[in-house]
Amino acid sequence: MLRRIKVIISALVVVVVLTVGSAATVMAEGEATPPPEARAECLLARVAQILGISQEYLVNAFEQARQEIREEYCFTPGEQVQQRVREEAVIRSREQLQQKIRRVALVRSCEQVQQQYVYGWHNSAKYGLK
């Protein structure tokens, strides 16, 4: 008898859980979120309302700003190539300068070693070579 009651209660709990779960699923599907375009339109409308201007005027202002930024930062294909060549030339000249500095430092260190060899390691401080 006790076993039968446990089985019946377990079955009832499963039925209740499934019913609540399916009801929550149906309710969640009923709430449709608006597409991003609609949210953007709502945002533009709200911003225009806050600023006290028409939505069309605000959209035109955004388009103008977008175009100005494009013109300022985006180059035509020919200008892009010229800009890339300029940047590569700067990089090349910087690398050449760094190589020259390394060579000069190497030559100076070699000269110091030679002088220290000639004057001796113990006398190198006397001649200002350290």
C-alpha atoms as a PDB file:
ATOM      1  CA  MET A   1       0.000   0.000   0.000  1.00  0.00           C
ATOM      2  CA  LEU A   2       2.757   2.416   0.945  1.00  0.00           C
ATOM      3  CA  ARG A   3       4.617   1.623  -2.258  1.00  0.00           C
ATOM      4  CA  ARG A   4       1.534   2.368  -4.323  1.00  0.00           C
ATOM      5  CA  ILE A   5       1.129   5.795  -2.704  1.00  0.00           C
ATOM      6  CA  LYS A   6       4.775   6.645  -3.460  1.00  0.00           C
ATOM      7  CA  VAL A   7       4.300   5.723  -7.132  1.00  0.00           C
ATOM      8  CA  ILE A   8       1.087   7.772  -7.401  1.00  0.00           C
ATOM      9  CA  ILE A   9       2.672  10.814  -5.732  1.00  0.00           C
ATOM     10  CA  SER A  10       5.741  10.550  -7.977  1.00  0.00           C
ATOM     11  CA  ALA A  11       3.532  10.372 -11.077  1.00  0.00           C
ATOM     12  CA  LEU A  12       1.541  13.417  -9.920  1.00  0.00           C
ATOM     13  CA  VAL A  13       4.769  15.403  -9.320  1.00  0.00           C
ATOM     14  CA  VAL A  14       6.018  14.533 -12.813  1.00  0.00           C
ATOM     15  CA  VAL A  15       2.684  15.604 -14.365  1.00  0.00           C
ATOM     16  CA  VAL A  16       2.715  18.918 -12.465  1.00  0.00           C
ATOM     17  CA  VAL A  17       6.337  19.661 -13.434  1.00  0.00           C
ATOM     18  CA  LEU A  18       5.669  18.896 -17.100  1.00  0.00           C
ATOM     19  CA  THR A  19       2.531  21.041 -17.091  1.00  0.00           C
ATOM     20  CA  VAL A  20       4.321  24.014 -15.529  1.00  0.00           C
ATOM     21  CA  GLY A  21       7.291  23.607 -17.894  1.00  0.00           C
ATOM     22  CA  SER A  22       5.140  23.454 -21.011  1.00  0.00           C
ATOM     23  CA  ALA A  23       3.088  26.466 -19.873  1.00  0.00           C
ATOM     24  CA  ALA A  24       6.287  28.481 -19.305  1.00  0.00           C
ATOM     25  CA  THR A  25       7.548  27.486 -22.757  1.00  0.00           C
ATOM     26  CA  VAL A  26       4.317  28.581 -24.432  1.00  0.00           C
ATOM     27  CA  MET A  27       4.359  31.898 -22.579  1.00  0.00           C
ATOM     28  CA  ALA A  28       7.993  32.512 -23.521  1.00  0.00           C
ATOM     29  CA  GLU A  29       7.272  31.873 -27.193  1.00  0.00           C
ATOM     30  CA  GLY A  30       4.420  34.364 -27.093  1.00  0.00           C
ATOM     31  CA  GLU A  31       6.766  37.249 -26.213  1.00  0.00           C
ATOM     32  CA  ALA A  32       8.409  38.146 -29.510  1.00  0.00           C
ATOM     33  CA  THR A  33      11.346  40.529 -29.367  1.00  0.00           C
ATOM     34  CA  PRO A  34      11.359  43.215 -32.038  1.00  0.00           C
ATOM     35  CA  PRO A  35      13.978  42.939 -34.786  1.00  0.00           C
ATOM     36  CA  PRO A  36      17.092  45.127 -34.476  1.00  0.00           C
ATOM     37  CA  GLU A  37      15.862  47.496 -37.189  1.00  0.00           C
ATOM     38  CA  ALA A  38      12.711  48.221 -35.216  1.00  0.00           C
ATOM     39  CA  ARG A  39      14.731  48.824 -32.046  1.00  0.00           C
ATOM     40  CA  ALA A  40      17.007  51.216 -33.957  1.00  0.00           C
ATOM     41  CA  GLU A  41      13.985  53.078 -35.284  1.00  0.00           C
ATOM     42  CA  CYS A  42      12.577  53.359 -31.761  1.00  0.00           C
ATOM     43  CA  LEU A  43      15.933  54.626 -30.517  1.00  0.00           C
ATOM     44  CA  LEU A  44      16.179  57.217 -33.284  1.00  0.00           C
ATOM     45  CA  ALA A  45      12.632  58.342 -32.634  1.00  0.00           C
ATOM     46  CA  ARG A  46      13.325  58.698 -28.904  1.00  0.00           C
ATOM     47  CA  VAL A  47      16.581  60.626 -29.470  1.00  0.00           C
ATOM     48  CA  ALA A  48      14.841  62.937 -31.932  1.00  0.00           C
ATOM     49  CA  GLN A  49      12.061  63.507 -29.410  1.00  0.00           C
ATOM     50  CA  ILE A  50      14.553  64.324 -26.639  1.00  0.00           C
ATOM     51  CA  LEU A  51      16.473  66.736 -28.872  1.00  0.00           C
ATOM     52  CA  GLY A  52      13.259  68.286 -30.120  1.00  0.00           C
ATOM     53  CA  ILE A  53      13.968  67.664 -33.802  1.00  0.00           C
ATOM     54  CA  SER A  54      12.350  65.531 -36.446  1.00  0.00           C
ATOM     55  CA  GLN A  55      13.466  61.943 -36.893  1.00  0.00           C
ATOM     56  CA  GLU A  56      14.222  62.588 -40.559  1.00  0.00           C
ATOM     57  CA  TYR A  57      16.548  65.467 -39.632  1.00  0.00           C
ATOM     58  CA  LEU A  58      18.369  63.198 -37.147  1.00  0.00           C
ATOM     59  CA  VAL A  59      18.765  60.412 -39.716  1.00  0.00           C
ATOM     60  CA  ASN A  60      20.141  62.916 -42.238  1.00  0.00           C
ATOM     61  CA  ALA A  61      22.609  64.210 -39.637  1.00  0.00           C
ATOM     62  CA  PHE A  62      23.836  60.656 -38.988  1.00  0.00           C
ATOM     63  CA  GLU A  63      24.223  60.026 -42.721  1.00  0.00           C
ATOM     64  CA  GLN A  64      26.172  63.266 -43.155  1.00  0.00           C
ATOM     65  CA  ALA A  65      28.475  62.408 -40.244  1.00  0.00           C
ATOM     66  CA  ARG A  66      29.011  58.894 -41.623  1.00  0.00           C
ATOM     67  CA  GLN A  67      29.889  60.307 -45.053  1.00  0.00           C
ATOM     68  CA  GLU A  68      32.301  62.878 -43.593  1.00  0.00           C
ATOM     69  CA  ILE A  69      34.062  60.217 -41.558  1.00  0.00           C
ATOM     70  CA  ARG A  70      34.316  58.003 -44.629  1.00  0.00           C
ATOM     71  CA  GLU A  71      35.823  60.839 -46.652  1.00  0.00           C
ATOM     72  CA  GLU A  72      38.226  61.758 -43.871  1.00  0.00           C
ATOM     73  CA  TYR A  73      39.540  58.308 -43.022  1.00  0.00           C
ATOM     74  CA  CYS A  74      38.872  56.198 -46.083  1.00  0.00           C
ATOM     75  CA  PHE A  75      41.067  56.759 -49.069  1.00  0.00           C
ATOM     76  CA  THR A  76      40.407  55.964 -52.698  1.00  0.00           C
ATOM     77  CA  PRO A  77      42.260  52.863 -53.909  1.00  0.00           C
ATOM     78  CA  GLY A  78      45.069  54.975 -55.399  1.00  0.00           C
ATOM     79  CA  GLU A  79      45.437  56.972 -52.201  1.00  0.00           C
ATOM     80  CA  GLN A  80      45.501  53.749 -50.180  1.00  0.00           C
ATOM     81  CA  VAL A  81      48.432  52.492 -52.247  1.00  0.00           C
ATOM     82  CA  GLN A  82      50.284  55.802 -51.819  1.00  0.00           C
ATOM     83  CA  GLN A  83      49.651  55.774 -48.078  1.00  0.00           C
ATOM     84  CA  ARG A  84      50.898  52.178 -47.796  1.00  0.00           C
ATOM     85  CA  VAL A  85      54.062  53.057 -49.773  1.00  0.00           C
ATOM     86  CA  ARG A  86      54.709  56.036 -47.461  1.00  0.00           C
ATOM     87  CA  GLU A  87      54.259  53.874 -44.370  1.00  0.00           C
ATOM     88  CA  GLU A  88      56.594  51.192 -45.742  1.00  0.00           C
ATOM     89  CA  ALA A  89      59.223  53.838 -46.575  1.00  0.00           C
ATOM     90  CA  VAL A  90      59.068  55.169 -43.017  1.00  0.00           C
ATOM     91  CA  ILE A  91      59.413  51.644 -41.632  1.00  0.00           C
ATOM     92  CA  ARG A  92      62.349  50.920 -43.965  1.00  0.00           C
ATOM     93  CA  SER A  93      64.151  54.132 -43.038  1.00  0.00           C
ATOM     94  CA  ARG A  94      63.582  53.442 -39.329  1.00  0.00           C
ATOM     95  CA  GLU A  95      65.019  49.938 -39.712  1.00  0.00           C
ATOM     96  CA  GLN A  96      68.026  51.276 -41.645  1.00  0.00           C
ATOM     97  CA  LEU A  97      68.669  53.853 -38.934  1.00  0.00           C
ATOM     98  CA  GLN A  98      68.493  51.178 -36.230  1.00  0.00           C
ATOM     99  CA  GLN A  99      70.949  49.004 -38.180  1.00  0.00           C
ATOM    100  CA  LYS A 100      73.341  51.951 -38.531  1.00  0.00           C
ATOM    101  CA  ILE A 101      73.148  52.624 -34.783  1.00  0.00           C
ATOM    102  CA  ARG A 102      73.919  48.972 -34.089  1.00  0.00           C
ATOM    103  CA  ARG A 103      76.940  49.064 -36.426  1.00  0.00           C
ATOM    104  CA  VAL A 104      78.286  52.240 -34.807  1.00  0.00           C
ATOM    105  CA  ALA A 105      77.846  50.728 -31.345  1.00  0.00           C
ATOM    106  CA  LEU A 106      79.595  47.551 -32.492  1.00  0.00           C
ATOM    107  CA  VAL A 107      82.495  49.515 -34.006  1.00  0.00           C
ATOM    108  CA  ARG A 108      82.877  51.560 -30.820  1.00  0.00           C
ATOM    109  CA  SER A 109      82.862  48.469 -28.636  1.00  0.00           C
ATOM    110  CA  CYS A 110      85.448  46.847 -30.940  1.00  0.00           C
ATOM    111  CA  GLU A 111      87.637  49.964 -30.716  1.00  0.00           C
ATOM    112  CA  GLN A 112      87.404  49.886 -26.927  1.00  0.00           C
ATOM    113  CA  VAL A 113      88.393  46.236 -26.846  1.00  0.00           C
ATOM    114  CA  GLN A 114      91.366  46.962 -29.122  1.00  0.00           C
ATOM    115  CA  GLN A 115      92.487  49.903 -26.977  1.00  0.00           C
ATOM    116  CA  GLN A 116      92.119  47.877 -23.828  1.00  0.00           C
ATOM    117  CA  TYR A 117      94.167  45.135 -25.415  1.00  0.00           C
ATOM    118  CA  VAL A 118      96.863  47.619 -26.424  1.00  0.00           C
ATOM    119  CA  TYR A 119      96.958  49.465 -23.089  1.00  0.00           C
ATOM    120  CA  GLY A 120      96.146  46.437 -20.967  1.00  0.00           C
ATOM    121  CA  TRP A 121      93.080  45.721 -18.937  1.00  0.00           C
ATOM    122  CA  HIS A 122      94.597  47.054 -15.742  1.00  0.00           C
ATOM    123  CA  ASN A 123      95.391  50.458 -17.358  1.00  0.00           C
ATOM    124  CA  SER A 124      92.073  50.884 -19.187  1.00  0.00           C
ATOM    125  CA  ALA A 125      90.568  52.972 -16.338  1.00  0.00           C
ATOM    126  CA  LYS A 126      93.625  55.208 -16.404  1.00  0.00           C
ATOM    127  CA  TYR A 127      92.968  56.125 -20.048  1.00  0.00           C
ATOM    128  CA  GLY A 128      89.192  56.524 -19.609  1.00  0.00           C
ATOM    129  CA  LEU A 129      88.251  53.410 -21.506  1.00  0.00           C
ATOM    130  CA  LYS A 130      85.848  51.912 -19.001  1.00  0.00           C
END
